[in-house]
Amino acid sequence: MTAMQRVSLDNASVWDLACKELARRDPVMAERIRQAGSERLTGKGDPFRTLVRSIVGQQISVKAADAIWRRLMVVCPDCRPAGIAAAGEASLASCGLSKRKIDYLQDLAFHFLARKIRIDCWKDMSDEEVIADLVQVRGIGRWTAEMFLIFNLLRPDVLPLDDVGLQKAVSALYFSGQSVSRSEIRKIATNWVPWRTVATWYLWRSLTPLPVEY
């Protein structure tokens, strides 16, 4: 784990430093930061809940994800591994979850309950080590693991290249709405290192509707 990965964005002074550096390097980012005002990324404290919400939101609209999440919170209010495991397929399906996503949530609950992943070690692992641990769970790919790094571990330098919101924002703000490749995003993002998480969050804030926060 690098020294930079040990830095957490829940520290307000770290966030302010990131904003100053990004604004100095990138005029587009400077404007996004100005428009966002005092808003900033806040951590989601429970790892399991963060991952459940990420799975719920996969490949569907923000509105649909919010609706399913609200129904899931009725079925399983505390959103704990034991609760998801005990809920049963019919109850989970009544929330609007597909059979595939139900399988994913049940497998996630199993991994947590059986300690098949190194939950207690994540805070001391590198970004890539956390990703490698998480993708053992069915339904968790690199994008979902990156959302976890951003919203739960608050790692400062995550660039989720497969994220549709990031792609849309970069296209609109840097390429006049033209389609943009992963390599083009990666090239622009070299100017944001080591604060690519912060830059990504401000780009998300430029979108309407706002993306789900995991």
Protein backbone atom coordinates (compact mmCIF):
# COMPACT_ATOMS: atom_id res chain seq x y z
CA MET A 1 0.00 0.00 0.00
CA THR A 2 1.48 3.34 -1.02
CA ALA A 3 1.71 6.34 1.29
CA MET A 4 -0.86 8.12 -0.91
CA GLN A 5 -3.36 5.27 -0.55
CA ARG A 6 -3.12 5.63 3.23
CA VAL A 7 -4.54 9.16 2.90
CA SER A 8 -8.29 9.24 3.54
CA LEU A 9 -10.62 11.81 2.00
CA ASP A 10 -12.70 12.00 5.18
CA ASN A 11 -10.14 14.54 6.41
CA ALA A 12 -11.41 17.99 5.42
CA SER A 13 -7.90 19.43 5.10
CA VAL A 14 -6.96 16.64 2.67
CA TRP A 15 -10.05 17.38 0.57
CA ASP A 16 -9.21 21.09 0.55
CA LEU A 17 -5.64 20.36 -0.54
CA ALA A 18 -6.91 18.15 -3.36
CA CYS A 19 -9.29 20.91 -4.53
CA LYS A 20 -6.54 23.52 -4.55
CA GLU A 21 -4.21 21.32 -6.59
CA LEU A 22 -6.91 20.29 -9.07
CA ALA A 23 -8.11 23.87 -9.55
CA ARG A 24 -4.57 25.08 -10.14
CA ARG A 25 -3.85 22.44 -12.79
CA ASP A 26 -7.19 22.23 -14.64
CA PRO A 27 -9.51 25.20 -15.40
CA VAL A 28 -12.46 22.88 -16.11
CA MET A 29 -12.01 21.30 -12.70
CA ALA A 30 -11.63 24.72 -11.09
CA GLU A 31 -15.09 25.68 -12.37
CA ARG A 32 -16.66 22.42 -11.22
CA ILE A 33 -15.20 22.88 -7.75
CA ARG A 34 -16.46 26.48 -7.61
CA GLN A 35 -19.98 25.46 -8.62
CA ALA A 36 -20.17 22.62 -6.09
CA GLY A 37 -19.52 25.01 -3.22
CA SER A 38 -19.11 23.35 0.17
CA GLU A 39 -20.31 19.91 -0.96
CA ARG A 40 -17.82 17.07 -0.79
CA LEU A 41 -17.64 13.30 -0.78
CA THR A 42 -18.72 11.71 2.50
CA GLY A 43 -17.99 8.13 3.44
CA LYS A 44 -20.51 5.36 3.77
CA GLY A 45 -19.50 3.60 6.96
CA ASP A 46 -20.86 0.08 6.49
CA PRO A 47 -18.95 -2.05 3.93
CA PHE A 48 -21.74 -4.57 3.33
CA ARG A 49 -24.40 -1.90 2.79
CA THR A 50 -22.10 -0.06 0.35
CA LEU A 51 -21.58 -3.23 -1.71
CA VAL A 52 -25.28 -4.11 -1.68
CA ARG A 53 -26.17 -0.68 -2.99
CA SER A 54 -23.52 -0.99 -5.71
CA ILE A 55 -24.96 -4.31 -6.88
CA VAL A 56 -28.51 -2.94 -6.83
CA GLY A 57 -27.42 -0.04 -9.04
CA GLN A 58 -25.61 -2.07 -11.68
CA GLN A 59 -26.73 -1.35 -15.27
CA ILE A 60 -29.96 0.46 -14.37
CA SER A 61 -30.99 4.09 -14.15
CA VAL A 62 -30.58 6.22 -11.04
CA LYS A 63 -34.37 6.42 -10.64
CA ALA A 64 -34.80 2.64 -10.89
CA ALA A 65 -31.95 1.98 -8.48
CA ASP A 66 -33.41 4.37 -5.90
CA ALA A 67 -36.84 2.73 -6.15
CA ILE A 68 -35.45 -0.79 -5.70
CA TRP A 69 -33.27 0.37 -2.81
CA ARG A 70 -36.26 1.86 -0.98
CA ARG A 71 -38.21 -1.39 -1.34
CA LEU A 72 -35.20 -3.42 -0.21
CA MET A 73 -34.95 -1.30 2.93
CA VAL A 74 -38.53 -2.32 3.78
CA VAL A 75 -37.73 -6.01 3.34
CA CYS A 76 -34.36 -5.81 5.09
CA PRO A 77 -34.19 -2.54 7.07
CA ASP A 78 -30.76 -3.07 8.67
CA CYS A 79 -29.19 -4.41 5.43
CA ARG A 80 -26.96 -6.91 7.21
CA PRO A 81 -25.52 -10.14 5.73
CA ALA A 82 -27.73 -12.35 7.91
CA GLY A 83 -30.81 -10.37 6.90
CA ILE A 84 -30.12 -10.65 3.17
CA ALA A 85 -29.32 -14.36 3.55
CA ALA A 86 -32.60 -14.98 5.40
CA ALA A 87 -34.81 -12.79 3.22
CA GLY A 88 -35.47 -15.43 0.59
CA GLU A 89 -35.70 -15.15 -3.17
CA ALA A 90 -39.37 -14.22 -3.30
CA SER A 91 -38.98 -11.31 -0.88
CA LEU A 92 -35.95 -9.99 -2.72
CA ALA A 93 -37.69 -10.38 -6.09
CA SER A 94 -40.62 -8.31 -4.76
CA CYS A 95 -38.19 -5.38 -4.47
CA GLY A 96 -37.65 -5.44 -8.23
CA LEU A 97 -34.34 -7.30 -8.17
CA SER A 98 -33.53 -9.63 -11.04
CA LYS A 99 -32.73 -13.31 -10.42
CA ARG A 100 -29.10 -12.57 -11.23
CA LYS A 101 -28.86 -9.71 -8.73
CA ILE A 102 -30.55 -11.83 -6.06
CA ASP A 103 -27.85 -14.47 -6.62
CA TYR A 104 -25.20 -11.77 -6.35
CA LEU A 105 -26.59 -10.42 -3.07
CA GLN A 106 -26.88 -13.88 -1.57
CA ASP A 107 -23.32 -14.72 -2.59
CA LEU A 108 -22.12 -11.44 -1.09
CA ALA A 109 -23.90 -12.28 2.19
CA PHE A 110 -22.30 -15.74 2.16
CA HIS A 111 -18.80 -14.27 1.68
CA PHE A 112 -19.32 -11.90 4.60
CA LEU A 113 -20.84 -14.49 6.94
CA ALA A 114 -18.23 -17.15 6.11
CA ARG A 115 -15.37 -14.61 6.21
CA LYS A 116 -14.31 -15.64 2.71
CA ILE A 117 -12.98 -12.14 2.06
CA ARG A 118 -10.54 -10.15 4.20
CA ILE A 119 -12.93 -7.51 5.49
CA ASP A 120 -10.78 -6.54 8.48
CA CYS A 121 -7.68 -6.06 6.32
CA TRP A 122 -9.09 -3.78 3.60
CA LYS A 123 -8.06 -0.55 5.28
CA ASP A 124 -4.41 -1.69 5.20
CA MET A 125 -4.45 -3.14 1.67
CA SER A 126 -3.58 -1.39 -1.58
CA ASP A 127 -6.33 -0.44 -4.02
CA GLU A 128 -5.49 -3.35 -6.31
CA GLU A 129 -5.38 -5.81 -3.40
CA VAL A 130 -8.85 -4.72 -2.27
CA ILE A 131 -10.15 -5.07 -5.83
CA ALA A 132 -8.65 -8.57 -6.13
CA ASP A 133 -10.31 -9.59 -2.86
CA LEU A 134 -13.73 -8.21 -3.79
CA VAL A 135 -13.97 -9.66 -7.29
CA GLN A 136 -14.09 -13.14 -5.76
CA VAL A 137 -17.76 -12.39 -5.08
CA ARG A 138 -20.19 -13.10 -7.90
CA GLY A 139 -21.49 -9.86 -9.38
CA ILE A 140 -18.60 -7.75 -8.17
CA GLY A 141 -16.35 -6.67 -10.99
CA ARG A 142 -13.76 -3.96 -11.14
CA TRP A 143 -16.31 -1.12 -11.37
CA THR A 144 -18.18 -2.22 -8.24
CA ALA A 145 -14.90 -2.65 -6.36
CA GLU A 146 -13.82 0.84 -7.46
CA MET A 147 -17.10 2.28 -6.14
CA PHE A 148 -16.28 0.61 -2.84
CA LEU A 149 -12.81 2.16 -2.80
CA ILE A 150 -14.34 5.59 -3.45
CA PHE A 151 -17.42 5.58 -1.23
CA ASN A 152 -16.41 3.33 1.64
CA LEU A 153 -12.62 3.42 1.96
CA LEU A 154 -12.42 7.00 0.60
CA ARG A 155 -9.25 6.25 -1.35
CA PRO A 156 -7.95 9.44 -3.04
CA ASP A 157 -6.74 8.28 -6.46
CA VAL A 158 -9.34 5.96 -8.00
CA LEU A 159 -10.24 6.41 -11.67
CA PRO A 160 -13.28 4.26 -12.63
CA LEU A 161 -12.77 4.18 -16.39
CA ASP A 162 -15.82 1.97 -16.98
CA ASP A 163 -18.17 4.34 -15.15
CA VAL A 164 -20.81 5.75 -17.51
CA GLY A 165 -21.19 8.93 -15.46
CA LEU A 166 -17.48 9.69 -15.67
CA GLN A 167 -17.52 9.02 -19.40
CA LYS A 168 -20.52 11.33 -19.92
CA ALA A 169 -19.02 14.15 -17.88
CA VAL A 170 -15.62 13.98 -19.59
CA SER A 171 -17.34 13.90 -22.99
CA ALA A 172 -19.47 16.96 -22.17
CA LEU A 173 -16.82 19.07 -20.44
CA TYR A 174 -13.64 18.19 -22.35
CA PHE A 175 -14.77 16.90 -25.78
CA SER A 176 -17.84 19.04 -26.62
CA GLY A 177 -20.14 16.03 -26.29
CA GLN A 178 -18.19 13.75 -28.62
CA SER A 179 -17.68 10.11 -27.64
CA VAL A 180 -14.59 9.53 -25.58
CA SER A 181 -12.34 6.49 -25.20
CA ARG A 182 -10.86 5.03 -22.06
CA SER A 183 -7.39 6.04 -23.23
CA GLU A 184 -8.52 9.65 -23.72
CA ILE A 185 -10.01 9.73 -20.22
CA ARG A 186 -6.84 8.21 -18.80
CA LYS A 187 -4.73 10.84 -20.57
CA ILE A 188 -6.79 13.76 -19.22
CA ALA A 189 -6.74 12.21 -15.77
CA THR A 190 -2.95 12.24 -15.59
CA ASN A 191 -3.40 15.89 -14.66
CA TRP A 192 -5.49 14.86 -11.63
CA VAL A 193 -3.05 12.41 -10.02
CA PRO A 194 -2.99 11.75 -7.03
CA TRP A 195 -6.56 13.09 -6.61
CA ARG A 196 -8.46 11.26 -9.34
CA THR A 197 -11.23 10.25 -6.91
CA VAL A 198 -11.87 13.90 -6.09
CA ALA A 199 -11.88 14.89 -9.76
CA THR A 200 -14.27 12.04 -10.58
CA TRP A 201 -16.64 13.13 -7.80
CA TYR A 202 -16.77 16.71 -9.09
CA LEU A 203 -17.42 15.46 -12.61
CA TRP A 204 -20.29 13.34 -11.31
CA ARG A 205 -21.75 16.43 -9.66
CA SER A 206 -22.02 18.05 -13.11
CA LEU A 207 -24.54 15.44 -14.25
CA THR A 208 -28.33 15.55 -14.15
CA PRO A 209 -29.73 13.49 -12.55
CA LEU A 210 -26.97 13.03 -10.03
CA PRO A 211 -25.53 9.50 -9.90
CA VAL A 212 -26.39 7.25 -6.97
CA GLU A 213 -23.89 7.60 -4.13
CA TYR A 214 -22.86 4.16 -3.00
